[in-house]
Amino acid sequence: MVLFQKVPFQDKNHLLKTVQAFSKEHLLAVWLEEVLNAYSVQHNPMGLEDDFMIELRSKINDSKEIINEPYDILSAIYRFDHVCNQLAFQWDGRTHMEVYDAAWKAMYLRWAQQLSLVKEVQRPIVKYAITGGNANTDFLKALIRKGILNFFNIRMKSQTLYRISA
């Protein structure tokens, strides 16, 4: 028996989490395309269509499971970097959700392009795609997580992010 349900507090973090969850499937596909493009540029600059590249192109879109957790980490890093949870006035007629959605997608696309060039992120995704998920997924997920955290110079301990001072 449910007496009442709490209405979530409408702060920036709650709206960001909602926007990030809503656009997750689309952005995972975008990241996989960026990985495919970066891999093609680095390892197949002439654009030759050999058996490996054909197989990779056909299987890369089935690899969303391997970057599901890294997407959540990137979402947390974005919220960590944008700490202020006060809603601002929107004078251009857009809602807060539209503003945060546009800002999140722009940053995510930039990060996806940059992270797709990082070997610790790119190679496990390609390996997972080629093996069809038969590889050690825990190890591959740990490699991607480590690559992302090193890229941002952040450490994570018990679901808490810490920035490493330079």
N, C-alpha and C. Protein backbone atom coordinates (compact mmCIF):
# COMPACT_ATOMS: atom_id res chain seq x y z
N MET A 1 0.84 -1.17 0.00
CA MET A 1 0.00 0.00 0.00
C MET A 1 0.88 1.23 0.00
N VAL A 2 0.70 2.09 -0.98
CA VAL A 2 1.48 3.31 -1.10
C VAL A 2 0.63 4.47 -0.59
N LEU A 3 1.12 5.13 0.45
CA LEU A 3 0.38 6.26 1.01
C LEU A 3 0.54 7.49 0.14
N PHE A 4 1.77 7.81 -0.19
CA PHE A 4 2.05 8.93 -1.08
C PHE A 4 3.41 8.70 -1.70
N GLN A 5 3.60 9.34 -2.80
CA GLN A 5 4.87 9.22 -3.50
C GLN A 5 5.51 10.60 -3.53
N LYS A 6 6.77 10.65 -3.17
CA LYS A 6 7.47 11.92 -3.18
C LYS A 6 7.60 12.43 -4.61
N VAL A 7 7.31 13.69 -4.79
CA VAL A 7 7.56 14.33 -6.08
C VAL A 7 9.01 14.73 -6.08
N PRO A 8 9.78 14.32 -7.10
CA PRO A 8 11.20 14.66 -7.10
C PRO A 8 11.41 16.17 -7.11
N PHE A 9 12.37 16.58 -6.36
CA PHE A 9 12.71 17.99 -6.26
C PHE A 9 13.22 18.46 -7.62
N GLN A 10 12.68 19.54 -8.10
CA GLN A 10 13.03 20.04 -9.43
C GLN A 10 14.29 20.91 -9.36
N ASP A 11 15.42 20.27 -9.28
CA ASP A 11 16.68 21.00 -9.35
C ASP A 11 17.41 20.59 -10.63
N LYS A 12 18.53 21.21 -10.86
CA LYS A 12 19.27 20.99 -12.10
C LYS A 12 19.73 19.54 -12.23
N ASN A 13 20.20 18.93 -11.14
CA ASN A 13 20.68 17.56 -11.20
C ASN A 13 19.57 16.59 -11.59
N HIS A 14 18.40 16.80 -11.03
CA HIS A 14 17.28 15.91 -11.39
C HIS A 14 16.92 16.06 -12.87
N LEU A 15 16.87 17.28 -13.35
CA LEU A 15 16.56 17.50 -14.76
C LEU A 15 17.64 16.95 -15.67
N LEU A 16 18.91 17.11 -15.27
CA LEU A 16 20.02 16.56 -16.06
C LEU A 16 19.94 15.03 -16.13
N LYS A 17 19.67 14.40 -15.00
CA LYS A 17 19.55 12.94 -14.99
C LYS A 17 18.42 12.49 -15.91
N THR A 18 17.33 13.21 -15.89
CA THR A 18 16.20 12.87 -16.75
C THR A 18 16.57 13.01 -18.22
N VAL A 19 17.22 14.11 -18.56
CA VAL A 19 17.64 14.35 -19.95
C VAL A 19 18.64 13.28 -20.39
N GLN A 20 19.59 12.96 -19.52
CA GLN A 20 20.62 11.98 -19.86
C GLN A 20 20.02 10.59 -20.04
N ALA A 21 19.05 10.24 -19.22
CA ALA A 21 18.41 8.93 -19.36
C ALA A 21 17.56 8.87 -20.62
N PHE A 22 16.90 9.95 -20.94
CA PHE A 22 16.02 9.98 -22.10
C PHE A 22 16.80 9.85 -23.41
N SER A 23 17.96 10.47 -23.49
CA SER A 23 18.73 10.47 -24.74
C SER A 23 19.81 9.40 -24.79
N LYS A 24 19.80 8.47 -23.84
CA LYS A 24 20.87 7.48 -23.72
C LYS A 24 21.00 6.59 -24.96
N GLU A 25 19.92 6.00 -25.42
CA GLU A 25 19.99 5.06 -26.55
C GLU A 25 20.55 5.72 -27.81
N HIS A 26 20.09 6.91 -28.10
CA HIS A 26 20.57 7.62 -29.29
C HIS A 26 22.05 7.96 -29.16
N LEU A 27 22.45 8.44 -27.99
CA LEU A 27 23.84 8.85 -27.81
C LEU A 27 24.80 7.67 -27.76
N LEU A 28 24.34 6.51 -27.31
CA LEU A 28 25.19 5.31 -27.37
C LEU A 28 25.49 4.95 -28.82
N ALA A 29 24.48 5.04 -29.68
CA ALA A 29 24.69 4.76 -31.10
C ALA A 29 25.64 5.77 -31.73
N VAL A 30 25.54 7.02 -31.32
CA VAL A 30 26.45 8.05 -31.83
C VAL A 30 27.89 7.74 -31.42
N TRP A 31 28.08 7.32 -30.18
CA TRP A 31 29.42 7.00 -29.70
C TRP A 31 30.01 5.82 -30.48
N LEU A 32 29.20 4.82 -30.74
CA LEU A 32 29.70 3.67 -31.51
C LEU A 32 30.09 4.08 -32.92
N GLU A 33 29.35 4.99 -33.53
CA GLU A 33 29.72 5.51 -34.85
C GLU A 33 31.04 6.26 -34.78
N GLU A 34 31.24 7.02 -33.73
CA GLU A 34 32.50 7.75 -33.56
C GLU A 34 33.67 6.79 -33.40
N VAL A 35 33.46 5.71 -32.66
CA VAL A 35 34.51 4.70 -32.50
C VAL A 35 34.84 4.07 -33.84
N LEU A 36 33.82 3.75 -34.61
CA LEU A 36 34.04 3.16 -35.93
C LEU A 36 34.80 4.12 -36.84
N ASN A 37 34.41 5.38 -36.83
CA ASN A 37 35.11 6.38 -37.66
C ASN A 37 36.55 6.56 -37.22
N ALA A 38 36.79 6.66 -35.91
CA ALA A 38 38.16 6.84 -35.41
C ALA A 38 39.02 5.62 -35.72
N TYR A 39 38.45 4.43 -35.55
CA TYR A 39 39.19 3.21 -35.86
C TYR A 39 39.53 3.15 -37.35
N SER A 40 38.58 3.53 -38.19
CA SER A 40 38.82 3.52 -39.63
C SER A 40 39.92 4.49 -40.03
N VAL A 41 39.91 5.66 -39.43
CA VAL A 41 40.93 6.66 -39.76
C VAL A 41 42.31 6.21 -39.29
N GLN A 42 42.38 5.62 -38.10
CA GLN A 42 43.67 5.22 -37.55
C GLN A 42 44.23 3.95 -38.18
N HIS A 43 43.38 2.95 -38.41
CA HIS A 43 43.87 1.64 -38.82
C HIS A 43 43.52 1.26 -40.26
N ASN A 44 42.72 2.08 -40.90
CA ASN A 44 42.36 1.80 -42.29
C ASN A 44 42.24 3.13 -43.04
N PRO A 45 43.33 3.90 -43.10
CA PRO A 45 43.24 5.25 -43.68
C PRO A 45 42.91 5.25 -45.17
N MET A 46 43.19 4.16 -45.87
CA MET A 46 42.87 4.11 -47.30
C MET A 46 41.42 3.72 -47.55
N GLY A 47 40.71 3.31 -46.51
CA GLY A 47 39.30 2.96 -46.64
C GLY A 47 39.06 1.65 -47.35
N LEU A 48 40.00 0.71 -47.21
CA LEU A 48 39.84 -0.59 -47.85
C LEU A 48 38.73 -1.39 -47.15
N GLU A 49 37.92 -2.04 -47.93
CA GLU A 49 36.82 -2.85 -47.38
C GLU A 49 37.24 -4.31 -47.34
N ASP A 50 38.03 -4.68 -46.34
CA ASP A 50 38.40 -6.08 -46.18
C ASP A 50 37.37 -6.77 -45.29
N ASP A 51 37.57 -8.05 -45.05
CA ASP A 51 36.60 -8.83 -44.27
C ASP A 51 36.43 -8.28 -42.86
N PHE A 52 37.54 -7.86 -42.26
CA PHE A 52 37.47 -7.35 -40.89
C PHE A 52 36.62 -6.07 -40.81
N MET A 53 36.85 -5.14 -41.71
CA MET A 53 36.09 -3.89 -41.68
C MET A 53 34.61 -4.11 -41.98
N ILE A 54 34.31 -5.02 -42.88
CA ILE A 54 32.92 -5.33 -43.19
C ILE A 54 32.24 -5.94 -41.96
N GLU A 55 32.94 -6.85 -41.30
CA GLU A 55 32.38 -7.47 -40.09
C GLU A 55 32.22 -6.44 -38.97
N LEU A 56 33.21 -5.56 -38.82
CA LEU A 56 33.13 -4.53 -37.79
C LEU A 56 31.96 -3.58 -38.04
N ARG A 57 31.78 -3.15 -39.28
CA ARG A 57 30.66 -2.26 -39.61
C ARG A 57 29.31 -2.91 -39.33
N SER A 58 29.23 -4.21 -39.57
CA SER A 58 27.95 -4.90 -39.37
C SER A 58 27.66 -5.18 -37.89
N LYS A 59 28.70 -5.31 -37.08
CA LYS A 59 28.49 -5.71 -35.68
C LYS A 59 28.64 -4.57 -34.67
N ILE A 60 29.15 -3.41 -35.07
CA ILE A 60 29.45 -2.36 -34.10
C ILE A 60 28.20 -1.85 -33.41
N ASN A 61 27.07 -1.82 -34.10
CA ASN A 61 25.84 -1.29 -33.51
C ASN A 61 25.23 -2.21 -32.46
N ASP A 62 25.70 -3.45 -32.38
CA ASP A 62 25.21 -4.38 -31.37
C ASP A 62 26.04 -4.31 -30.08
N SER A 63 26.91 -3.32 -29.97
CA SER A 63 27.83 -3.24 -28.84
C SER A 63 27.41 -2.22 -27.79
N LYS A 64 26.15 -1.86 -27.75
CA LYS A 64 25.70 -0.85 -26.80
C LYS A 64 25.86 -1.31 -25.35
N GLU A 65 25.82 -2.61 -25.12
CA GLU A 65 25.91 -3.13 -23.76
C GLU A 65 27.27 -2.81 -23.12
N ILE A 66 28.32 -2.79 -23.93
CA ILE A 66 29.66 -2.56 -23.38
C ILE A 66 29.87 -1.11 -22.96
N ILE A 67 29.14 -0.18 -23.57
CA ILE A 67 29.33 1.23 -23.22
C ILE A 67 28.16 1.79 -22.41
N ASN A 68 27.33 0.92 -21.90
CA ASN A 68 26.21 1.34 -21.07
C ASN A 68 26.71 1.98 -19.76
N GLU A 69 27.60 1.29 -19.07
CA GLU A 69 28.17 1.83 -17.82
C GLU A 69 29.06 3.04 -18.07
N PRO A 70 29.92 3.02 -19.10
CA PRO A 70 30.71 4.23 -19.38
C PRO A 70 29.85 5.45 -19.69
N TYR A 71 28.69 5.26 -20.31
CA TYR A 71 27.77 6.39 -20.52
C TYR A 71 27.33 6.97 -19.19
N ASP A 72 27.02 6.10 -18.24
CA ASP A 72 26.62 6.57 -16.91
C ASP A 72 27.76 7.31 -16.22
N ILE A 73 28.99 6.85 -16.44
CA ILE A 73 30.14 7.53 -15.86
C ILE A 73 30.31 8.92 -16.49
N LEU A 74 30.17 9.00 -17.80
CA LEU A 74 30.26 10.31 -18.46
C LEU A 74 29.14 11.24 -17.98
N SER A 75 27.97 10.69 -17.77
CA SER A 75 26.86 11.50 -17.25
C SER A 75 27.20 12.04 -15.86
N ALA A 76 27.77 11.19 -15.03
CA ALA A 76 28.14 11.62 -13.68
C ALA A 76 29.26 12.65 -13.72
N ILE A 77 30.21 12.49 -14.63
CA ILE A 77 31.29 13.46 -14.76
C ILE A 77 30.73 14.81 -15.19
N TYR A 78 29.77 14.80 -16.10
CA TYR A 78 29.16 16.05 -16.55
C TYR A 78 28.45 16.74 -15.38
N ARG A 79 27.70 15.98 -14.60
CA ARG A 79 27.02 16.57 -13.43
C ARG A 79 28.03 17.01 -12.39
N PHE A 80 29.15 16.29 -12.28
CA PHE A 80 30.22 16.65 -11.34
C PHE A 80 30.86 17.97 -11.73
N ASP A 81 31.04 18.18 -13.04
CA ASP A 81 31.67 19.41 -13.52
C ASP A 81 30.71 20.59 -13.52
N HIS A 82 29.42 20.33 -13.55
CA HIS A 82 28.40 21.38 -13.54
C HIS A 82 27.63 21.28 -12.23
N VAL A 83 28.31 21.67 -11.16
CA VAL A 83 27.85 21.44 -9.80
C VAL A 83 26.63 22.27 -9.42
N CYS A 84 26.55 23.49 -9.86
CA CYS A 84 25.48 24.38 -9.44
C CYS A 84 24.13 23.75 -9.79
N ASN A 85 23.28 23.58 -8.77
CA ASN A 85 22.00 22.93 -9.02
C ASN A 85 20.83 23.92 -9.02
N GLN A 86 21.14 25.19 -9.12
CA GLN A 86 20.08 26.20 -9.17
C GLN A 86 19.59 26.37 -10.60
N LEU A 87 18.29 26.43 -10.75
CA LEU A 87 17.71 26.66 -12.06
C LEU A 87 17.86 28.14 -12.41
N ALA A 88 18.25 28.41 -13.64
CA ALA A 88 18.44 29.79 -14.09
C ALA A 88 17.21 30.22 -14.89
N PHE A 89 17.04 31.51 -15.02
CA PHE A 89 15.95 32.02 -15.85
C PHE A 89 16.29 31.79 -17.32
N GLN A 90 15.31 31.34 -18.07
CA GLN A 90 15.48 31.13 -19.50
C GLN A 90 14.74 32.23 -20.24
N TRP A 91 15.47 33.13 -20.85
CA TRP A 91 14.86 34.28 -21.50
C TRP A 91 14.57 34.04 -22.97
N ASP A 92 15.01 32.89 -23.50
CA ASP A 92 14.81 32.64 -24.93
C ASP A 92 13.57 31.79 -25.22
N GLY A 93 12.78 31.49 -24.21
CA GLY A 93 11.54 30.76 -24.41
C GLY A 93 11.68 29.25 -24.32
N ARG A 94 12.90 28.75 -24.20
CA ARG A 94 13.10 27.31 -24.08
C ARG A 94 12.90 26.88 -22.63
N THR A 95 12.53 25.62 -22.45
CA THR A 95 12.39 25.09 -21.10
C THR A 95 13.77 24.71 -20.57
N HIS A 96 13.84 24.46 -19.28
CA HIS A 96 15.11 24.02 -18.68
C HIS A 96 15.56 22.70 -19.28
N MET A 97 14.61 21.81 -19.53
CA MET A 97 14.97 20.52 -20.11
C MET A 97 15.59 20.68 -21.49
N GLU A 98 15.08 21.57 -22.30
CA GLU A 98 15.63 21.80 -23.63
C GLU A 98 17.04 22.39 -23.55
N VAL A 99 17.25 23.30 -22.64
CA VAL A 99 18.57 23.91 -22.48
C VAL A 99 19.59 22.88 -22.01
N TYR A 100 19.22 22.09 -21.00
CA TYR A 100 20.15 21.09 -20.48
C TYR A 100 20.38 19.96 -21.48
N ASP A 101 19.35 19.63 -22.26
CA ASP A 101 19.50 18.61 -23.29
C ASP A 101 20.49 19.06 -24.36
N ALA A 102 20.37 20.29 -24.81
CA ALA A 102 21.29 20.80 -25.84
C ALA A 102 22.72 20.88 -25.31
N ALA A 103 22.88 21.35 -24.07
CA ALA A 103 24.23 21.46 -23.49
C ALA A 103 24.85 20.08 -23.28
N TRP A 104 24.06 19.12 -22.79
CA TRP A 104 24.57 17.78 -22.54
C TRP A 104 24.97 17.11 -23.85
N LYS A 105 24.13 17.21 -24.88
CA LYS A 105 24.44 16.56 -26.15
C LYS A 105 25.67 17.16 -26.81
N ALA A 106 25.83 18.47 -26.72
CA ALA A 106 27.01 19.11 -27.31
C ALA A 106 28.28 18.64 -26.62
N MET A 107 28.26 18.59 -25.29
CA MET A 107 29.45 18.14 -24.55
C MET A 107 29.70 16.66 -24.80
N TYR A 108 28.65 15.87 -24.82
CA TYR A 108 28.79 14.43 -25.03
C TYR A 108 29.39 14.13 -26.40
N LEU A 109 28.94 14.84 -27.42
CA LEU A 109 29.48 14.61 -28.76
C LEU A 109 30.97 14.95 -28.81
N ARG A 110 31.35 16.02 -28.14
CA ARG A 110 32.78 16.37 -28.10
C ARG A 110 33.57 15.30 -27.36
N TRP A 111 33.04 14.84 -26.23
CA TRP A 111 33.72 13.79 -25.47
C TRP A 111 33.78 12.48 -26.26
N ALA A 112 32.71 12.13 -26.96
CA ALA A 112 32.70 10.89 -27.74
C ALA A 112 33.77 10.92 -28.82
N GLN A 113 33.94 12.07 -29.46
CA GLN A 113 34.98 12.19 -30.48
C GLN A 113 36.37 12.05 -29.86
N GLN A 114 36.58 12.69 -28.73
CA GLN A 114 37.89 12.64 -28.08
C GLN A 114 38.18 11.26 -27.51
N LEU A 115 37.19 10.64 -26.87
CA LEU A 115 37.40 9.33 -26.25
C LEU A 115 37.53 8.23 -27.29
N SER A 116 36.98 8.42 -28.45
CA SER A 116 37.10 7.41 -29.50
C SER A 116 38.52 7.30 -30.02
N LEU A 117 39.33 8.30 -29.76
CA LEU A 117 40.74 8.27 -30.16
C LEU A 117 41.63 7.65 -29.09
N VAL A 118 41.11 7.48 -27.87
CA VAL A 118 41.87 6.89 -26.76
C VAL A 118 41.88 5.38 -26.94
N LYS A 119 43.08 4.79 -26.96
CA LYS A 119 43.21 3.36 -27.23
C LYS A 119 42.53 2.50 -26.16
N GLU A 120 42.58 2.94 -24.89
CA GLU A 120 41.98 2.16 -23.81
C GLU A 120 40.45 2.13 -23.91
N VAL A 121 39.89 3.02 -24.69
CA VAL A 121 38.44 3.05 -24.89
C VAL A 121 38.08 2.41 -26.23
N GLN A 122 38.84 2.72 -27.24
CA GLN A 122 38.52 2.26 -28.60
C GLN A 122 38.69 0.75 -28.76
N ARG A 123 39.83 0.23 -28.33
CA ARG A 123 40.13 -1.18 -28.56
C ARG A 123 39.17 -2.15 -27.88
N PRO A 124 38.79 -1.92 -26.61
CA PRO A 124 37.82 -2.86 -26.01
C PRO A 124 36.46 -2.84 -26.72
N ILE A 125 36.04 -1.69 -27.21
CA ILE A 125 34.76 -1.62 -27.92
C ILE A 125 34.83 -2.40 -29.23
N VAL A 126 35.94 -2.24 -29.95
CA VAL A 126 36.13 -2.97 -31.20
C VAL A 126 36.22 -4.47 -30.93
N LYS A 127 36.95 -4.84 -29.89
CA LYS A 127 37.08 -6.27 -29.56
C LYS A 127 35.73 -6.87 -29.20
N TYR A 128 34.94 -6.14 -28.42
CA TYR A 128 33.62 -6.63 -28.04
C TYR A 128 32.73 -6.79 -29.27
N ALA A 129 32.81 -5.84 -30.18
CA ALA A 129 31.99 -5.91 -31.39
C ALA A 129 32.36 -7.11 -32.25
N ILE A 130 33.64 -7.37 -32.41
CA ILE A 130 34.10 -8.45 -33.29
C ILE A 130 33.81 -9.82 -32.67
N THR A 131 34.02 -9.95 -31.36
CA THR A 131 33.78 -11.25 -30.73
C THR A 131 32.31 -11.50 -30.46
N GLY A 132 31.47 -10.51 -30.65
CA GLY A 132 30.05 -10.69 -30.43
C GLY A 132 29.68 -10.81 -28.97
N GLY A 133 30.49 -10.26 -28.10
CA GLY A 133 30.20 -10.32 -26.67
C GLY A 133 30.73 -11.56 -26.00
N ASN A 134 31.50 -12.39 -26.73
CA ASN A 134 32.05 -13.62 -26.15
C ASN A 134 33.35 -13.38 -25.40
N ALA A 135 33.87 -12.17 -25.43
CA ALA A 135 35.10 -11.86 -24.71
C ALA A 135 34.77 -11.63 -23.23
N ASN A 136 35.78 -11.45 -22.43
CA ASN A 136 35.59 -11.18 -21.01
C ASN A 136 35.07 -9.74 -20.86
N THR A 137 33.77 -9.60 -20.75
CA THR A 137 33.17 -8.26 -20.74
C THR A 137 33.54 -7.46 -19.50
N ASP A 138 33.73 -8.13 -18.38
CA ASP A 138 34.11 -7.40 -17.16
C ASP A 138 35.46 -6.73 -17.34
N PHE A 139 36.39 -7.46 -17.94
CA PHE A 139 37.72 -6.89 -18.19
C PHE A 139 37.65 -5.74 -19.18
N LEU A 140 36.87 -5.89 -20.23
CA LEU A 140 36.75 -4.84 -21.24
C LEU A 140 36.08 -3.60 -20.66
N LYS A 141 35.06 -3.80 -19.84
CA LYS A 141 34.40 -2.66 -19.19
C LYS A 141 35.35 -1.94 -18.24
N ALA A 142 36.19 -2.70 -17.54
CA ALA A 142 37.16 -2.09 -16.63
C ALA A 142 38.19 -1.27 -17.41
N LEU A 143 38.60 -1.76 -18.58
CA LEU A 143 39.54 -1.01 -19.41
C LEU A 143 38.93 0.31 -19.88
N ILE A 144 37.69 0.26 -20.32
CA ILE A 144 37.02 1.48 -20.79
C ILE A 144 36.87 2.46 -19.64
N ARG A 145 36.45 1.95 -18.49
CA ARG A 145 36.27 2.81 -17.31
C ARG A 145 37.59 3.48 -16.93
N LYS A 146 38.68 2.69 -16.91
CA LYS A 146 39.98 3.23 -16.57
C LYS A 146 40.43 4.28 -17.58
N GLY A 147 40.19 4.03 -18.87
CA GLY A 147 40.55 4.99 -19.91
C GLY A 147 39.80 6.30 -19.76
N ILE A 148 38.51 6.23 -19.44
CA ILE A 148 37.71 7.44 -19.27
C ILE A 148 38.17 8.22 -18.05
N LEU A 149 38.35 7.54 -16.93
CA LEU A 149 38.77 8.24 -15.71
C LEU A 149 40.15 8.86 -15.86
N ASN A 150 41.06 8.17 -16.54
CA ASN A 150 42.39 8.74 -16.79
C ASN A 150 42.31 9.94 -17.73
N PHE A 151 41.44 9.87 -18.72
CA PHE A 151 41.28 10.97 -19.66
C PHE A 151 40.85 12.25 -18.95
N PHE A 152 39.94 12.10 -18.00
CA PHE A 152 39.44 13.26 -17.27
C PHE A 152 40.23 13.57 -16.00
N ASN A 153 41.24 12.76 -15.71
CA ASN A 153 42.05 12.95 -14.52
C ASN A 153 41.18 12.91 -13.26
N ILE A 154 40.35 11.89 -13.20
CA ILE A 154 39.40 11.71 -12.10
C ILE A 154 39.56 10.30 -11.55
N ARG A 155 39.34 10.16 -10.26
CA ARG A 155 39.30 8.84 -9.63
C ARG A 155 37.90 8.62 -9.07
N MET A 156 37.50 7.36 -9.02
CA MET A 156 36.20 7.02 -8.49
C MET A 156 36.40 6.01 -7.37
N LYS A 157 35.81 6.33 -6.22
CA LYS A 157 35.89 5.42 -5.09
C LYS A 157 34.50 5.31 -4.49
N SER A 158 33.99 4.10 -4.46
CA SER A 158 32.65 3.80 -3.94
C SER A 158 31.60 4.77 -4.48
N GLN A 159 31.54 4.85 -5.81
CA GLN A 159 30.56 5.66 -6.52
C GLN A 159 30.67 7.16 -6.25
N THR A 160 31.85 7.61 -5.83
CA THR A 160 32.09 9.03 -5.61
C THR A 160 33.27 9.44 -6.48
N LEU A 161 33.11 10.57 -7.18
CA LEU A 161 34.17 11.06 -8.07
C LEU A 161 35.07 12.03 -7.33
N TYR A 162 36.38 11.91 -7.59
CA TYR A 162 37.37 12.81 -7.02
C TYR A 162 38.27 13.31 -8.14
N ARG A 163 38.46 14.61 -8.21
CA ARG A 163 39.36 15.20 -9.20
C ARG A 163 40.76 15.15 -8.62
N ILE A 164 41.71 14.68 -9.42
CA ILE A 164 43.11 14.63 -9.01
C ILE A 164 43.72 15.99 -9.31
N SER A 165 44.26 16.63 -8.30
CA SER A 165 44.86 17.95 -8.52
C SER A 165 46.20 17.78 -9.22
N ALA A 166 46.49 18.74 -10.08
CA ALA A 166 47.71 18.67 -10.88
C ALA A 166 48.91 19.19 -10.12
